[in-house]
Amino acid sequence: MRNAPIASILALALAATEGKIIYETKCAQCHGKDGVAKPPGKESKNFNDPAFQSAWTEESIAKITAEGKGKMPGYRSRLSPEELRAVAAHVKTFGPSK
């Protein structure tokens, strides 16, 4: 089982890449590639806001992405649970605004 840690690292890297790709193709048009809401998502939270980052967990982000909120449709029928978690993990990578 010496390769188990390497396999875990590779799985995490693949999930992170997948989350970024899904975010950029399905979310960025409203939420911004950098997590700052664009005009179509003007009432959305800025994902790089420290208050957002401390208040929202990956689980809560995945849940709202699955269910939808306001103008945002739910993605439960469009993304697998693993894809929803990957997107949520990507959202958590946005740092605070400078």
Protein backbone atom coordinates (compact mmCIF):
# COMPACT_ATOMS: atom_id res chain seq x y z
CA MET A 1 0.00 0.00 0.00
CA ARG A 2 2.97 2.25 -0.39
CA ASN A 3 1.33 3.88 -3.45
CA ALA A 4 -1.88 4.73 -1.56
CA PRO A 5 -0.71 8.24 -0.58
CA ILE A 6 0.35 8.94 -4.17
CA ALA A 7 -3.03 7.73 -5.44
CA SER A 8 -4.78 9.99 -2.92
CA ILE A 9 -2.72 12.99 -3.99
CA LEU A 10 -3.45 12.28 -7.65
CA ALA A 11 -7.17 11.93 -6.92
CA LEU A 12 -7.20 15.26 -5.09
CA ALA A 13 -5.32 16.97 -7.92
CA LEU A 14 -7.73 15.54 -10.48
CA ALA A 15 -10.75 16.68 -8.42
CA ALA A 16 -9.27 20.18 -8.05
CA THR A 17 -8.70 20.45 -11.79
CA GLU A 18 -12.19 19.14 -12.51
CA GLY A 19 -13.74 21.62 -10.05
CA LYS A 20 -11.94 24.53 -11.69
CA ILE A 21 -13.00 23.46 -15.19
CA ILE A 22 -16.64 23.01 -14.17
CA TYR A 23 -16.62 26.35 -12.31
CA GLU A 24 -15.13 28.19 -15.27
CA THR A 25 -17.65 26.69 -17.73
CA LYS A 26 -20.82 26.79 -15.63
CA CYS A 27 -20.35 29.39 -12.88
CA ALA A 28 -17.88 32.07 -13.92
CA GLN A 29 -20.24 33.91 -16.26
CA CYS A 30 -22.20 35.10 -13.21
CA HIS A 31 -19.79 34.56 -10.31
CA GLY A 32 -16.63 35.71 -12.11
CA LYS A 33 -13.56 33.66 -12.92
CA ASP A 34 -11.94 35.18 -9.83
CA GLY A 35 -15.03 34.75 -7.61
CA VAL A 36 -16.12 38.39 -7.83
CA ALA A 37 -19.78 38.57 -8.92
CA LYS A 38 -20.38 39.90 -12.43
CA PRO A 39 -23.52 41.87 -13.47
CA PRO A 40 -25.66 38.73 -14.06
CA GLY A 41 -24.81 37.60 -10.52
CA LYS A 42 -24.77 41.05 -8.93
CA GLU A 43 -26.69 39.95 -5.83
CA SER A 44 -24.39 36.99 -5.28
CA LYS A 45 -21.73 36.80 -2.62
CA ASN A 46 -18.16 37.54 -3.66
CA PHE A 47 -16.36 34.26 -3.13
CA ASN A 48 -13.09 36.02 -2.30
CA ASP A 49 -14.69 37.91 0.60
CA PRO A 50 -13.13 36.76 3.90
CA ALA A 51 -16.58 36.77 5.55
CA PHE A 52 -17.90 34.44 2.85
CA GLN A 53 -14.87 32.17 3.10
CA SER A 54 -15.17 31.85 6.88
CA ALA A 55 -18.96 31.41 6.93
CA TRP A 56 -19.40 28.91 4.07
CA THR A 57 -18.11 25.36 4.12
CA GLU A 58 -17.53 23.13 1.10
CA GLU A 59 -20.63 21.21 2.18
CA SER A 60 -22.83 24.33 2.29
CA ILE A 61 -21.51 25.53 -1.08
CA ALA A 62 -22.17 22.14 -2.68
CA LYS A 63 -25.69 22.09 -1.19
CA ILE A 64 -26.67 25.52 -2.53
CA THR A 65 -25.10 24.69 -5.89
CA ALA A 66 -27.19 21.53 -6.05
CA GLU A 67 -30.43 23.20 -4.95
CA GLY A 68 -30.03 26.65 -6.53
CA LYS A 69 -30.95 30.00 -5.03
CA GLY A 70 -32.55 33.14 -6.43
CA LYS A 71 -31.76 33.39 -10.13
CA MET A 72 -29.28 30.52 -9.98
CA PRO A 73 -30.73 27.19 -11.07
CA GLY A 74 -29.95 24.04 -9.13
CA TYR A 75 -27.31 21.76 -10.62
CA ARG A 76 -28.30 18.52 -8.87
CA SER A 77 -29.56 17.00 -12.12
CA ARG A 78 -26.61 18.35 -14.14
CA LEU A 79 -23.65 17.55 -11.90
CA SER A 80 -22.79 14.44 -9.92
CA PRO A 81 -22.26 14.67 -6.16
CA GLU A 82 -18.49 14.38 -6.80
CA GLU A 83 -18.61 17.24 -9.32
CA LEU A 84 -20.60 19.41 -6.89
CA ARG A 85 -17.98 18.77 -4.21
CA ALA A 86 -15.18 19.56 -6.68
CA VAL A 87 -16.79 22.90 -7.57
CA ALA A 88 -17.27 23.71 -3.89
CA ALA A 89 -13.62 22.87 -3.19
CA HIS A 90 -12.59 25.20 -6.01
CA VAL A 91 -14.74 28.03 -4.60
CA LYS A 92 -12.91 27.63 -1.29
CA THR A 93 -9.60 28.34 -3.07
CA PHE A 94 -10.52 31.97 -3.73
CA GLY A 95 -8.50 34.19 -1.43
CA PRO A 96 -9.67 37.42 0.16
CA SER A 97 -9.78 40.58 -1.94
CA LYS A 98 -6.68 42.70 -1.85
